[in-house]
Amino acid sequence: DRVLIRIKDLTVEKADEVVWVRGRIHTSRAKGKQCFLVLRQQQFNVQALVAVGQHASKQMVKFAANINKESIVDVEGVVRKAYQKIGGCTQQDVELHVERIYVISSAEPRLPLQLDDAVRPEVEGEEDGRATVNQDTRLDNRVIDLRTSTSQAVFRLQSGICQLFRETLIQKGFVEIQTPKIISAASEGGANVFTVSYFKSSAYLAQSPQLYKQMCICADFEKVFCIGPVFRAEDSNTHRHLTEFVGLDMEMAFNYHYHEVVDEIADTLVQIFKGLQERFQNEIQTVNKQFPCEPFKFLEPTLRLEYCEAVAMLREAGVEMGDEEDLSTPNEKLLGRLVKEKYDTDFYILDKYPLAVRPFYTMPDPVNPKNSNSYDMFMRGEEILSGAQRIHDPQLLTERALHHGIDLEKIKAYIDSFRFGAPPHAGGGIGLERVTMLYLGLHNVRQTSMFPRDPKRLTP
């Protein structure tokens, strides 16, 4: 008949109450006739005392001291107000005086990593010679690494990004859709696709929901979004590339100018940033303890620069590049620093990319044929969204596909979807893991992918 109380709810208001708590044994320390335990539940923990007395025998103290770390236990105890703040625990004003303890699930005695080592800042570990845990060890033992307070905070904040994305777009009148992930042709028209056996033929894993979002616009849904996996067969072993990531994608018809869509996307991201500030301060501060970082800055309305302005800023800083040359990763980062110095923002838009560096379905700029109606969005100098006005005229789309050397037969269904009346439209795709990484100022996208997939990792 017992009711289990959450550790986060153990406050001084509960003092002198008898409660039941379930948690993991984070640490245990025996001292004479007493044993001090720290019970952990997600990102919250509390000190528990087992002492020889009316409710605890010597054998019980010994039993408690010998429970393996990370075992799950149920504890009955009295909530007591602490004489002084309990350092190292989230519940610093109270402790549990244990009367009964039951092991629900015992962990093995040898752990592949210690959670205290896994949350220690790297600099701190280097200074005093204490252990820190490297990335491969974390990922090889991900189920344990995800128990750390830092990982708990990262992925709860990431869940908040999805929630805020969905909330904001539904309020704006968008419809959530689900698109196929097994497709008959490469969705971006390129070679970086995963081929899968599909009965007696071959199929591909979708690089993007792009084409299906557009078909929904042609089907008069007007505003659509989706959240789902995206696959890229790129042999990129960088800090920001994955072979499978979560895409936050949106598409909408517009009335007069594609900037209607650009503004809508930018505002959606701003609403996410504001929501994270308001709802997830505890998570942000928890991550900052291990990975210190300046708070994320953004402007309202969002700063929008044209590509030619960005090129001019880079040239002024000593970079040699052509007018129609795409931004390299080092130049992206340099531009991010230059923008931060000049405009004091970590989030901005680059508009009017050269047509030569964009996909076949990108609408050319009607004023300057060398430019396109396309845009990228950046956080802390790294791209998190790529988008454009799409060509909705089948004849122009056919011409652009041929210009890019694409087999028209493979994209026939796509082109045909525009033959029966298609409104002008634009959209973009956001990488969830990159947004999480850059908002928190982390250094590797694998820290923000729960079970990352890259060219060298397919497990766990």
Protein backbone atom coordinates (compact mmCIF):
# COMPACT_ATOMS: atom_id res chain seq x y z
CA ASP A 1 0.00 0.00 0.00
CA ARG A 2 3.04 2.29 0.08
CA VAL A 3 3.11 5.45 -2.07
CA LEU A 4 6.50 6.37 -3.51
CA ILE A 5 7.53 10.03 -3.17
CA ARG A 6 9.70 11.74 -5.79
CA ILE A 7 13.11 12.84 -4.52
CA LYS A 8 12.55 16.34 -5.93
CA ASP A 9 9.52 16.65 -3.60
CA LEU A 10 11.53 15.95 -0.43
CA THR A 11 11.58 19.42 1.13
CA VAL A 12 11.46 20.89 4.62
CA GLU A 13 7.65 20.89 4.33
CA LYS A 14 7.89 17.09 4.53
CA ALA A 15 10.00 17.18 7.72
CA ASP A 16 9.12 14.42 10.23
CA GLU A 17 6.93 12.59 7.69
CA VAL A 18 7.47 8.89 7.03
CA VAL A 19 7.89 8.39 3.28
CA TRP A 20 8.79 5.74 0.72
CA VAL A 21 11.35 6.66 -1.94
CA ARG A 22 12.70 4.71 -4.92
CA GLY A 23 16.13 5.61 -6.25
CA ARG A 24 19.54 4.40 -7.31
CA ILE A 25 22.46 4.04 -4.93
CA HIS A 26 24.74 6.80 -6.16
CA THR A 27 27.31 6.53 -3.37
CA SER A 28 27.61 4.75 -0.02
CA ARG A 29 29.97 5.41 2.87
CA ALA A 30 30.09 3.38 6.07
CA LYS A 31 31.30 5.08 9.24
CA GLY A 32 31.16 3.04 12.47
CA LYS A 33 27.53 2.23 13.24
CA GLN A 34 26.27 4.45 10.44
CA CYS A 35 26.07 4.29 6.67
CA PHE A 36 25.53 7.37 4.53
CA LEU A 37 23.87 6.76 1.16
CA VAL A 38 23.12 9.17 -1.64
CA LEU A 39 19.96 8.15 -3.49
CA ARG A 40 19.60 9.46 -7.04
CA GLN A 41 16.51 9.80 -9.18
CA GLN A 42 17.15 11.31 -12.60
CA GLN A 43 18.85 14.68 -11.92
CA PHE A 44 17.79 14.85 -8.23
CA ASN A 45 19.48 13.26 -5.21
CA VAL A 46 19.15 13.13 -1.44
CA GLN A 47 21.34 11.95 1.44
CA ALA A 48 20.02 8.95 3.38
CA LEU A 49 21.31 7.82 6.78
CA VAL A 50 21.15 4.23 8.03
CA ALA A 51 22.14 4.17 11.73
CA VAL A 52 22.04 1.44 14.38
CA GLY A 53 19.05 2.12 16.62
CA GLN A 54 15.41 1.28 17.15
CA HIS A 55 14.70 0.72 13.44
CA ALA A 56 18.07 -0.47 12.13
CA SER A 57 20.31 -3.30 13.29
CA LYS A 58 24.07 -3.61 12.83
CA GLN A 59 23.40 -6.16 10.09
CA MET A 60 21.10 -3.73 8.28
CA VAL A 61 23.80 -1.03 8.30
CA LYS A 62 26.28 -3.55 6.90
CA PHE A 63 23.75 -4.69 4.30
CA ALA A 64 23.12 -1.11 3.17
CA ALA A 65 26.85 -0.37 2.94
CA ASN A 66 27.37 -3.36 0.66
CA ILE A 67 24.65 -2.61 -1.89
CA ASN A 68 26.33 -2.12 -5.25
CA LYS A 69 26.36 1.37 -6.78
CA GLU A 70 23.60 2.00 -9.34
CA SER A 71 21.33 -0.64 -7.77
CA ILE A 72 17.68 0.39 -7.53
CA VAL A 73 16.28 0.39 -3.99
CA ASP A 74 13.05 1.23 -2.18
CA VAL A 75 13.61 3.05 1.09
CA GLU A 76 11.25 3.83 3.94
CA GLY A 77 12.44 6.64 6.14
CA VAL A 78 11.68 9.77 8.08
CA VAL A 79 12.38 13.12 6.45
CA ARG A 80 14.61 15.16 8.77
CA LYS A 81 15.68 18.76 8.45
CA ALA A 82 19.45 18.97 7.96
CA TYR A 83 21.53 20.86 10.55
CA GLN A 84 23.57 22.39 7.72
CA LYS A 85 23.39 22.47 3.93
CA ILE A 86 24.22 19.08 2.42
CA GLY A 87 26.78 19.69 -0.31
CA GLY A 88 26.71 17.49 -3.39
CA CYS A 89 22.95 16.88 -3.17
CA THR A 90 20.13 18.71 -4.91
CA GLN A 91 18.01 18.33 -1.75
CA GLN A 92 20.33 20.26 0.58
CA ASP A 93 17.92 21.08 3.42
CA VAL A 94 16.68 17.58 4.29
CA GLU A 95 17.94 14.02 4.64
CA LEU A 96 16.26 10.65 5.00
CA HIS A 97 16.64 8.61 8.19
CA VAL A 98 16.19 5.07 6.88
CA GLU A 99 14.03 2.52 8.67
CA ARG A 100 13.71 -0.08 5.92
CA ILE A 101 15.51 -0.71 2.64
CA TYR A 102 14.76 -3.20 -0.14
CA VAL A 103 16.89 -3.93 -3.22
CA ILE A 104 14.58 -3.87 -6.26
CA SER A 105 17.29 -4.48 -8.89
CA SER A 106 20.94 -5.10 -8.14
CA ALA A 107 23.66 -3.65 -10.39
CA GLU A 108 26.87 -5.56 -11.11
CA PRO A 109 29.71 -4.65 -8.73
CA ARG A 110 32.06 -3.35 -11.46
CA LEU A 111 30.80 -0.37 -13.46
CA PRO A 112 32.37 0.53 -16.84
CA LEU A 113 32.43 4.18 -15.77
CA GLN A 114 31.81 6.17 -12.61
CA LEU A 115 29.08 8.80 -12.84
CA ASP A 116 31.05 11.27 -10.72
CA ASP A 117 33.92 11.04 -13.24
CA ALA A 118 31.48 11.45 -16.13
CA VAL A 119 30.16 14.84 -14.89
CA ARG A 120 33.55 16.29 -13.94
CA PRO A 121 34.64 19.25 -16.11
CA GLU A 122 37.66 18.25 -18.21
CA VAL A 123 39.72 21.24 -17.04
CA GLU A 124 39.06 20.37 -13.40
CA GLY A 125 40.15 16.77 -14.00
CA GLU A 126 43.38 17.89 -15.68
CA GLU A 127 44.20 20.27 -12.83
CA ASP A 128 43.92 17.83 -9.94
CA GLY A 129 44.69 14.56 -11.73
CA ARG A 130 41.22 13.08 -11.24
CA ALA A 131 39.65 10.89 -13.91
CA THR A 132 37.34 12.14 -16.64
CA VAL A 133 35.49 9.91 -19.11
CA ASN A 134 36.27 10.09 -22.84
CA GLN A 135 33.62 10.19 -25.53
CA ASP A 136 34.00 6.61 -26.82
CA THR A 137 33.72 5.17 -23.31
CA ARG A 138 30.56 7.22 -22.78
CA LEU A 139 29.00 6.10 -26.05
CA ASP A 140 30.01 2.46 -25.60
CA ASN A 141 28.21 2.53 -22.24
CA ARG A 142 25.51 5.00 -23.19
CA VAL A 143 22.82 3.65 -20.88
CA ILE A 144 24.97 4.55 -17.87
CA ASP A 145 26.22 7.84 -19.32
CA LEU A 146 22.61 8.93 -19.88
CA ARG A 147 22.05 8.69 -16.11
CA THR A 148 24.41 11.59 -15.39
CA SER A 149 22.87 14.91 -14.40
CA THR A 150 24.42 16.54 -17.48
CA SER A 151 22.95 14.02 -19.93
CA GLN A 152 19.59 14.14 -18.18
CA ALA A 153 19.58 17.94 -18.57
CA VAL A 154 20.71 17.85 -22.23
CA PHE A 155 17.98 15.49 -23.36
CA ARG A 156 15.23 17.05 -21.28
CA LEU A 157 16.10 20.39 -22.91
CA GLN A 158 16.17 18.68 -26.32
CA SER A 159 12.69 17.30 -25.64
CA GLY A 160 11.69 20.89 -24.84
CA ILE A 161 12.95 22.05 -28.27
CA CYS A 162 10.66 19.54 -30.00
CA GLN A 163 7.75 20.52 -27.76
CA LEU A 164 8.27 24.25 -28.40
CA PHE A 165 8.68 23.68 -32.15
CA ARG A 166 5.41 21.77 -32.26
CA GLU A 167 3.55 24.21 -29.97
CA THR A 168 4.69 27.28 -31.90
CA LEU A 169 3.82 25.93 -35.34
CA ILE A 170 0.42 24.59 -34.31
CA GLN A 171 -0.38 28.06 -32.92
CA LYS A 172 0.66 29.48 -36.31
CA GLY A 173 -1.82 27.20 -38.10
CA PHE A 174 0.59 24.50 -39.31
CA VAL A 175 -0.46 20.85 -39.75
CA GLU A 176 1.87 18.09 -38.55
CA ILE A 177 2.51 15.42 -41.20
CA GLN A 178 4.44 12.14 -41.39
CA THR A 179 6.47 11.41 -44.51
CA PRO A 180 7.98 8.17 -45.94
CA LYS A 181 11.53 7.30 -44.96
CA ILE A 182 11.89 4.57 -47.62
CA ILE A 183 11.81 6.19 -51.05
CA SER A 184 12.37 5.23 -54.69
CA ALA A 185 14.89 7.96 -55.60
CA ALA A 186 17.49 10.08 -53.85
CA SER A 187 15.47 12.94 -52.34
CA GLU A 188 18.22 15.55 -52.74
CA GLY A 189 19.23 14.33 -56.19
CA GLY A 190 22.74 13.50 -54.95
CA ALA A 191 24.85 10.41 -54.32
CA ASN A 192 25.02 10.53 -50.51
CA VAL A 193 22.17 8.11 -49.88
CA PHE A 194 21.85 4.75 -48.13
CA THR A 195 20.63 2.05 -50.51
CA VAL A 196 18.48 -0.71 -49.03
CA SER A 197 17.22 -3.96 -50.51
CA TYR A 198 13.50 -3.61 -51.25
CA PHE A 199 12.02 -6.96 -52.29
CA LYS A 200 13.33 -7.49 -55.86
CA SER A 201 14.64 -3.97 -56.31
CA SER A 202 16.47 -1.22 -54.42
CA ALA A 203 15.18 1.70 -52.38
CA TYR A 204 16.79 4.58 -50.48
CA LEU A 205 16.60 6.03 -46.98
CA ALA A 206 15.24 9.56 -47.20
CA GLN A 207 17.79 12.37 -46.99
CA SER A 208 14.96 14.80 -46.32
CA PRO A 209 11.14 14.99 -46.18
CA GLN A 210 11.52 17.82 -48.69
CA LEU A 211 9.61 16.42 -51.65
CA TYR A 212 6.69 15.19 -49.56
CA LYS A 213 6.35 18.48 -47.73
CA GLN A 214 6.05 20.16 -51.12
CA MET A 215 3.48 17.65 -52.33
CA CYS A 216 1.39 18.51 -49.27
CA ILE A 217 1.59 22.20 -50.16
CA CYS A 218 0.40 21.27 -53.68
CA ALA A 219 -2.43 19.36 -51.98
CA ASP A 220 -3.58 22.65 -50.32
CA PHE A 221 -2.42 22.02 -46.75
CA GLU A 222 -0.77 25.50 -46.94
CA LYS A 223 1.43 25.09 -43.84
CA VAL A 224 3.00 21.79 -42.78
CA PHE A 225 5.74 20.53 -40.48
CA CYS A 226 7.20 17.19 -39.46
CA ILE A 227 9.64 15.81 -36.91
CA GLY A 228 11.48 12.64 -37.89
CA PRO A 229 14.71 10.84 -38.77
CA VAL A 230 16.86 11.97 -41.70
CA PHE A 231 19.63 9.84 -43.25
CA ARG A 232 22.84 11.09 -44.89
CA ALA A 233 25.43 8.63 -46.25
CA GLU A 234 28.27 11.12 -45.89
CA ASP A 235 31.65 9.83 -44.71
CA SER A 236 32.05 12.92 -42.52
CA ASN A 237 33.76 12.31 -39.19
CA THR A 238 33.41 15.84 -37.86
CA HIS A 239 32.10 17.32 -34.63
CA ARG A 240 28.79 18.24 -36.28
CA HIS A 241 27.91 15.46 -38.76
CA LEU A 242 25.82 12.34 -38.17
CA THR A 243 24.56 9.72 -40.63
CA GLU A 244 21.17 9.76 -38.91
CA PHE A 245 19.71 12.81 -37.20
CA VAL A 246 16.33 14.24 -36.27
CA GLY A 247 14.94 16.80 -38.71
CA LEU A 248 12.56 19.58 -37.68
CA ASP A 249 11.10 20.45 -41.06
CA MET A 250 8.53 23.01 -42.15
CA GLU A 251 7.05 24.20 -45.45
CA MET A 252 4.45 26.85 -46.26
CA ALA A 253 2.77 28.59 -49.16
CA PHE A 254 3.22 32.36 -49.30
CA ASN A 255 1.25 35.20 -50.87
CA TYR A 256 3.72 37.80 -52.12
CA HIS A 257 7.36 37.08 -51.19
CA TYR A 258 9.38 34.19 -49.83
CA HIS A 259 10.53 36.40 -46.94
CA GLU A 260 7.09 35.69 -45.44
CA VAL A 261 8.40 32.16 -44.88
CA VAL A 262 11.86 33.27 -43.76
CA ASP A 263 10.29 35.48 -41.10
CA GLU A 264 7.99 32.67 -39.94
CA ILE A 265 10.89 30.23 -39.55
CA ALA A 266 13.04 32.80 -37.75
CA ASP A 267 10.21 33.67 -35.37
CA THR A 268 9.66 29.96 -34.66
CA LEU A 269 13.30 29.59 -33.64
CA VAL A 270 13.13 32.76 -31.53
CA GLN A 271 10.06 31.37 -29.73
CA ILE A 272 12.03 28.18 -29.05
CA PHE A 273 14.98 30.17 -27.64
CA LYS A 274 12.66 32.22 -25.43
CA GLY A 275 10.83 29.10 -24.24
CA LEU A 276 14.11 27.41 -23.32
CA GLN A 277 15.15 30.47 -21.30
CA GLU A 278 11.83 30.50 -19.44
CA ARG A 279 11.27 26.77 -18.86
CA PHE A 280 14.68 25.11 -18.76
CA GLN A 281 16.97 27.28 -16.62
CA ASN A 282 17.77 24.38 -14.26
CA GLU A 283 18.84 22.21 -17.20
CA ILE A 284 20.93 25.01 -18.75
CA GLN A 285 22.68 25.64 -15.43
CA THR A 286 23.29 21.90 -14.88
CA VAL A 287 25.01 21.59 -18.27
CA ASN A 288 27.01 24.79 -17.63
CA LYS A 289 28.51 23.28 -14.48
CA GLN A 290 30.34 20.72 -16.63
CA PHE A 291 30.56 22.71 -19.88
CA PRO A 292 30.73 26.46 -19.07
CA CYS A 293 29.34 28.66 -21.84
CA GLU A 294 28.10 32.20 -22.40
CA PRO A 295 24.29 32.52 -22.53
CA PHE A 296 22.84 32.26 -26.04
CA LYS A 297 22.04 35.70 -27.52
CA PHE A 298 19.49 36.54 -30.22
CA LEU A 299 17.75 39.63 -31.60
CA GLU A 300 14.12 40.43 -32.30
CA PRO A 301 13.57 40.78 -35.20
CA THR A 302 16.31 38.35 -36.27
CA LEU A 303 19.34 39.80 -38.05
CA ARG A 304 19.24 39.05 -41.80
CA LEU A 305 22.29 39.60 -43.99
CA GLU A 306 22.63 39.01 -47.72
CA TYR A 307 25.32 36.58 -48.85
CA CYS A 308 27.27 39.35 -50.59
CA GLU A 309 27.42 41.26 -47.27
CA ALA A 310 28.85 38.17 -45.56
CA VAL A 311 31.47 37.78 -48.30
CA ALA A 312 32.44 41.45 -47.88
CA MET A 313 32.83 40.99 -44.08
CA LEU A 314 35.05 37.95 -44.62
CA ARG A 315 37.18 39.70 -47.23
CA GLU A 316 37.63 42.63 -44.87
CA ALA A 317 38.91 40.11 -42.30
CA GLY A 318 41.49 38.81 -44.81
CA VAL A 319 39.64 35.85 -46.36
CA GLU A 320 40.04 35.33 -50.11
CA MET A 321 36.89 33.91 -51.71
CA GLY A 322 34.84 34.30 -54.87
CA ASP A 323 31.36 35.82 -55.15
CA GLU A 324 29.82 32.42 -56.01
CA GLU A 325 31.92 30.30 -53.68
CA ASP A 326 30.17 28.43 -50.85
CA LEU A 327 31.17 29.05 -47.24
CA SER A 328 33.69 26.61 -45.81
CA THR A 329 33.31 25.48 -42.20
CA PRO A 330 36.22 27.71 -40.98
CA ASN A 331 34.71 30.69 -42.83
CA GLU A 332 31.27 29.99 -41.30
CA LYS A 333 32.82 30.07 -37.83
CA LEU A 334 34.83 33.22 -38.58
CA LEU A 335 31.69 34.90 -39.93
CA GLY A 336 29.88 33.92 -36.72
CA ARG A 337 32.55 35.66 -34.65
CA LEU A 338 32.45 38.76 -36.88
CA VAL A 339 28.65 38.95 -36.64
CA LYS A 340 28.78 38.54 -32.85
CA GLU A 341 31.32 41.38 -32.55
CA LYS A 342 29.36 43.70 -34.81
CA TYR A 343 25.74 42.88 -33.95
CA ASP A 344 25.97 41.05 -30.58
CA THR A 345 23.87 38.07 -31.66
CA ASP A 346 24.53 34.32 -31.85
CA PHE A 347 21.62 33.76 -34.26
CA TYR A 348 21.30 35.24 -37.74
CA ILE A 349 20.11 34.57 -41.30
CA LEU A 350 22.15 34.59 -44.51
CA ASP A 351 19.94 35.28 -47.53
CA LYS A 352 20.40 35.25 -51.34
CA TYR A 353 22.93 32.41 -51.70
CA PRO A 354 24.63 31.97 -55.10
CA LEU A 355 22.45 29.75 -57.32
CA ALA A 356 25.50 27.65 -58.25
CA VAL A 357 25.86 26.23 -54.72
CA ARG A 358 22.18 25.33 -54.14
CA PRO A 359 20.10 22.23 -55.12
CA PHE A 360 18.21 21.95 -58.43
CA TYR A 361 14.80 22.80 -56.95
CA THR A 362 15.92 26.23 -55.62
CA MET A 363 14.16 29.24 -57.17
CA PRO A 364 16.57 31.59 -59.00
CA ASP A 365 16.52 35.25 -57.95
CA PRO A 366 14.35 37.08 -60.56
CA VAL A 367 16.54 40.20 -60.26
CA ASN A 368 20.02 38.62 -60.35
CA PRO A 369 20.16 35.22 -62.13
CA LYS A 370 23.42 34.35 -60.35
CA ASN A 371 21.65 34.47 -56.98
CA SER A 372 18.83 32.38 -55.55
CA ASN A 373 15.89 32.86 -53.23
CA SER A 374 17.56 30.72 -50.60
CA TYR A 375 18.79 31.16 -47.05
CA ASP A 376 20.63 29.48 -44.20
CA MET A 377 20.30 30.16 -40.48
CA PHE A 378 23.21 30.04 -38.06
CA MET A 379 23.79 29.58 -34.32
CA ARG A 380 27.19 30.47 -32.86
CA GLY A 381 28.69 30.48 -36.36
CA GLU A 382 27.39 27.06 -37.46
CA GLU A 383 24.57 26.31 -39.87
CA ILE A 384 21.42 24.81 -38.30
CA LEU A 385 18.94 25.33 -41.13
CA SER A 386 19.09 25.33 -44.90
CA GLY A 387 16.06 26.53 -46.84
CA ALA A 388 14.76 28.14 -50.00
CA GLN A 389 11.85 29.11 -52.14
CA ARG A 390 11.13 26.01 -54.22
CA ILE A 391 10.54 26.06 -57.96
CA HIS A 392 6.81 25.39 -58.41
CA ASP A 393 6.75 25.63 -62.21
CA PRO A 394 7.26 22.15 -63.78
CA GLN A 395 8.97 23.48 -66.92
CA LEU A 396 11.56 25.49 -64.97
CA LEU A 397 12.01 22.59 -62.54
CA THR A 398 12.71 20.24 -65.48
CA GLU A 399 15.28 22.66 -66.90
CA ARG A 400 17.07 23.01 -63.55
CA ALA A 401 17.11 19.24 -62.99
CA LEU A 402 18.67 18.68 -66.43
CA HIS A 403 21.21 21.43 -65.67
CA HIS A 404 22.22 19.45 -62.56
CA GLY A 405 22.45 16.19 -64.53
CA ILE A 406 19.56 14.50 -62.71
CA ASP A 407 17.73 11.56 -64.31
CA LEU A 408 14.24 12.97 -64.94
CA GLU A 409 12.66 9.54 -64.76
CA LYS A 410 13.73 9.21 -61.11
CA ILE A 411 12.03 12.44 -60.10
CA LYS A 412 9.02 12.18 -62.44
CA ALA A 413 6.51 11.87 -59.56
CA TYR A 414 8.01 14.97 -57.95
CA ILE A 415 7.82 17.10 -61.10
CA ASP A 416 4.34 15.78 -61.94
CA SER A 417 3.03 16.98 -58.56
CA PHE A 418 3.41 20.57 -59.83
CA ARG A 419 1.51 20.05 -63.09
CA PHE A 420 -1.94 20.57 -61.60
CA GLY A 421 -1.52 23.96 -59.99
CA ALA A 422 1.03 24.65 -57.25
CA PRO A 423 1.19 27.75 -55.04
CA PRO A 424 4.52 29.56 -54.53
CA HIS A 425 6.09 28.10 -51.39
CA ALA A 426 9.28 27.84 -49.34
CA GLY A 427 10.56 26.04 -46.28
CA GLY A 428 13.56 24.56 -44.56
CA GLY A 429 14.95 21.82 -42.39
CA ILE A 430 16.53 22.18 -38.94
CA GLY A 431 18.90 19.67 -37.33
CA LEU A 432 17.62 19.03 -33.79
CA GLU A 433 20.94 17.77 -32.45
CA ARG A 434 22.83 20.78 -33.81
CA VAL A 435 20.36 23.24 -32.29
CA THR A 436 20.74 21.54 -28.90
CA MET A 437 24.54 21.44 -29.18
CA LEU A 438 24.91 25.08 -30.21
CA TYR A 439 22.33 26.50 -27.82
CA LEU A 440 24.16 24.86 -24.90
CA GLY A 441 27.61 25.64 -26.33
CA LEU A 442 28.69 21.98 -26.44
CA HIS A 443 31.59 20.86 -28.61
CA ASN A 444 30.30 17.69 -30.29
CA VAL A 445 26.94 16.72 -31.78
CA ARG A 446 27.34 13.22 -30.33
CA GLN A 447 26.70 14.77 -26.92
CA THR A 448 23.22 15.73 -28.10
CA SER A 449 22.35 12.54 -29.99
CA MET A 450 20.96 9.94 -27.61
CA PHE A 451 22.37 6.99 -29.59
CA PRO A 452 24.52 8.60 -32.31
CA ARG A 453 25.13 7.10 -35.72
CA ASP A 454 28.20 8.14 -37.70
CA PRO A 455 30.48 6.39 -40.23
CA LYS A 456 32.29 4.58 -37.39
CA ARG A 457 29.43 3.90 -34.95
CA LEU A 458 26.39 1.69 -35.41
CA THR A 459 25.95 0.59 -31.78
CA PRO A 460 24.53 0.56 -29.19
